[in-house]
Amino acid sequence: MKVTAPPIKGQANNALLTFMAQVLAVPKSDLSIMRGFASRHKVIAIHGLTPEALKEKLAQALPGKQLPLT
């Protein structure tokens, strides 16, 4: 995913978490970046959703995309 916010003072990370919270319909406080704060590759923890619910919400947000089973 690409965001338009600049990678200055966490603005891009904040934009990413805000967008993910909207797409997943969870509070932003339920999301956290675990690894990759200064990298293009990030690991995001999502609290309060089962893997099945996460997959369903992503499938709704990304129609026509095949999601991996893991």
C-alpha atoms as a PDB file:
ATOM      1  CA  MET A   1       0.000   0.000   0.000  1.00  0.00           C
ATOM      2  CA  LYS A   2       1.216   3.487  -0.721  1.00  0.00           C
ATOM      3  CA  VAL A   3       0.282   6.577   1.249  1.00  0.00           C
ATOM      4  CA  THR A   4       0.754  10.169   0.187  1.00  0.00           C
ATOM      5  CA  ALA A   5       1.837  11.452   3.596  1.00  0.00           C
ATOM      6  CA  PRO A   6       5.558  12.183   3.821  1.00  0.00           C
ATOM      7  CA  PRO A   7       7.760   9.877   5.887  1.00  0.00           C
ATOM      8  CA  ILE A   8       8.555  12.729   8.270  1.00  0.00           C
ATOM      9  CA  LYS A   9       7.939  12.501  12.016  1.00  0.00           C
ATOM     10  CA  GLY A  10       5.754   9.413  11.578  1.00  0.00           C
ATOM     11  CA  GLN A  11       3.227  11.075   9.259  1.00  0.00           C
ATOM     12  CA  ALA A  12       3.250   8.174   6.768  1.00  0.00           C
ATOM     13  CA  ASN A  13       2.921   5.593   9.555  1.00  0.00           C
ATOM     14  CA  ASN A  14       0.034   7.572  11.059  1.00  0.00           C
ATOM     15  CA  ALA A  15      -1.703   7.782   7.668  1.00  0.00           C
ATOM     16  CA  LEU A  16      -1.288   4.041   7.170  1.00  0.00           C
ATOM     17  CA  LEU A  17      -2.771   3.194  10.579  1.00  0.00           C
ATOM     18  CA  THR A  18      -5.646   5.656  10.072  1.00  0.00           C
ATOM     19  CA  PHE A  19      -6.496   4.107   6.704  1.00  0.00           C
ATOM     20  CA  MET A  20      -6.238   0.547   8.030  1.00  0.00           C
ATOM     21  CA  ALA A  21      -8.512   1.417  10.967  1.00  0.00           C
ATOM     22  CA  GLN A  22     -11.138   2.785   8.567  1.00  0.00           C
ATOM     23  CA  VAL A  23     -10.940  -0.208   6.217  1.00  0.00           C
ATOM     24  CA  LEU A  24     -11.097  -2.731   9.052  1.00  0.00           C
ATOM     25  CA  ALA A  25     -13.691  -0.750  11.045  1.00  0.00           C
ATOM     26  CA  VAL A  26     -11.643  -0.951  14.231  1.00  0.00           C
ATOM     27  CA  PRO A  27     -10.370   1.788  16.530  1.00  0.00           C
ATOM     28  CA  LYS A  28      -6.951   3.083  15.524  1.00  0.00           C
ATOM     29  CA  SER A  29      -5.798   2.198  19.029  1.00  0.00           C
ATOM     30  CA  ASP A  30      -6.271  -1.494  18.096  1.00  0.00           C
ATOM     31  CA  LEU A  31      -3.505  -1.206  15.485  1.00  0.00           C
ATOM     32  CA  SER A  32       0.211  -0.909  16.072  1.00  0.00           C
ATOM     33  CA  ILE A  33       3.331  -1.148  13.974  1.00  0.00           C
ATOM     34  CA  MET A  34       5.440  -3.936  15.409  1.00  0.00           C
ATOM     35  CA  ARG A  35       8.365  -3.734  12.979  1.00  0.00           C
ATOM     36  CA  GLY A  36       9.426  -1.453  10.166  1.00  0.00           C
ATOM     37  CA  PHE A  37       8.786   2.026  11.549  1.00  0.00           C
ATOM     38  CA  ALA A  38      11.344   3.480   9.142  1.00  0.00           C
ATOM     39  CA  SER A  39      10.952   0.860   6.415  1.00  0.00           C
ATOM     40  CA  ARG A  40       8.643   0.361   3.471  1.00  0.00           C
ATOM     41  CA  HIS A  41       7.971  -3.142   4.811  1.00  0.00           C
ATOM     42  CA  LYS A  42       5.980  -3.173   8.029  1.00  0.00           C
ATOM     43  CA  VAL A  43       4.475  -5.701  10.402  1.00  0.00           C
ATOM     44  CA  ILE A  44       1.196  -4.440  11.850  1.00  0.00           C
ATOM     45  CA  ALA A  45      -0.513  -5.976  14.882  1.00  0.00           C
ATOM     46  CA  ILE A  46      -4.312  -5.898  14.808  1.00  0.00           C
ATOM     47  CA  HIS A  47      -6.063  -6.447  18.118  1.00  0.00           C
ATOM     48  CA  GLY A  48      -9.693  -7.466  18.484  1.00  0.00           C
ATOM     49  CA  LEU A  49     -10.152  -9.307  15.174  1.00  0.00           C
ATOM     50  CA  THR A  50      -9.911 -13.020  14.566  1.00  0.00           C
ATOM     51  CA  PRO A  51      -7.862 -14.066  11.537  1.00  0.00           C
ATOM     52  CA  GLU A  52     -11.112 -15.070   9.828  1.00  0.00           C
ATOM     53  CA  ALA A  53     -12.743 -11.683  10.483  1.00  0.00           C
ATOM     54  CA  LEU A  54      -9.620  -9.901   9.257  1.00  0.00           C
ATOM     55  CA  LYS A  55      -9.599 -11.922   6.061  1.00  0.00           C
ATOM     56  CA  GLU A  56     -13.293 -11.213   5.487  1.00  0.00           C
ATOM     57  CA  LYS A  57     -12.874  -7.459   5.982  1.00  0.00           C
ATOM     58  CA  LEU A  58      -9.866  -7.380   3.654  1.00  0.00           C
ATOM     59  CA  ALA A  59     -11.766  -9.378   1.032  1.00  0.00           C
ATOM     60  CA  GLN A  60     -14.595  -6.832   1.188  1.00  0.00           C
ATOM     61  CA  ALA A  61     -12.147  -3.930   0.898  1.00  0.00           C
ATOM     62  CA  LEU A  62     -10.216  -5.570  -1.946  1.00  0.00           C
ATOM     63  CA  PRO A  63     -12.806  -7.184  -4.181  1.00  0.00           C
ATOM     64  CA  GLY A  64     -11.373  -9.382  -6.892  1.00  0.00           C
ATOM     65  CA  LYS A  65      -8.049  -9.875  -5.070  1.00  0.00           C
ATOM     66  CA  GLN A  66      -7.077 -13.348  -3.975  1.00  0.00           C
ATOM     67  CA  LEU A  67      -5.819 -13.365  -0.396  1.00  0.00           C
ATOM     68  CA  PRO A  68      -3.344 -15.969   0.876  1.00  0.00           C
ATOM     69  CA  LEU A  69      -4.694 -18.609   3.227  1.00  0.00           C
ATOM     70  CA  THR A  70      -2.018 -18.058   5.904  1.00  0.00           C
END
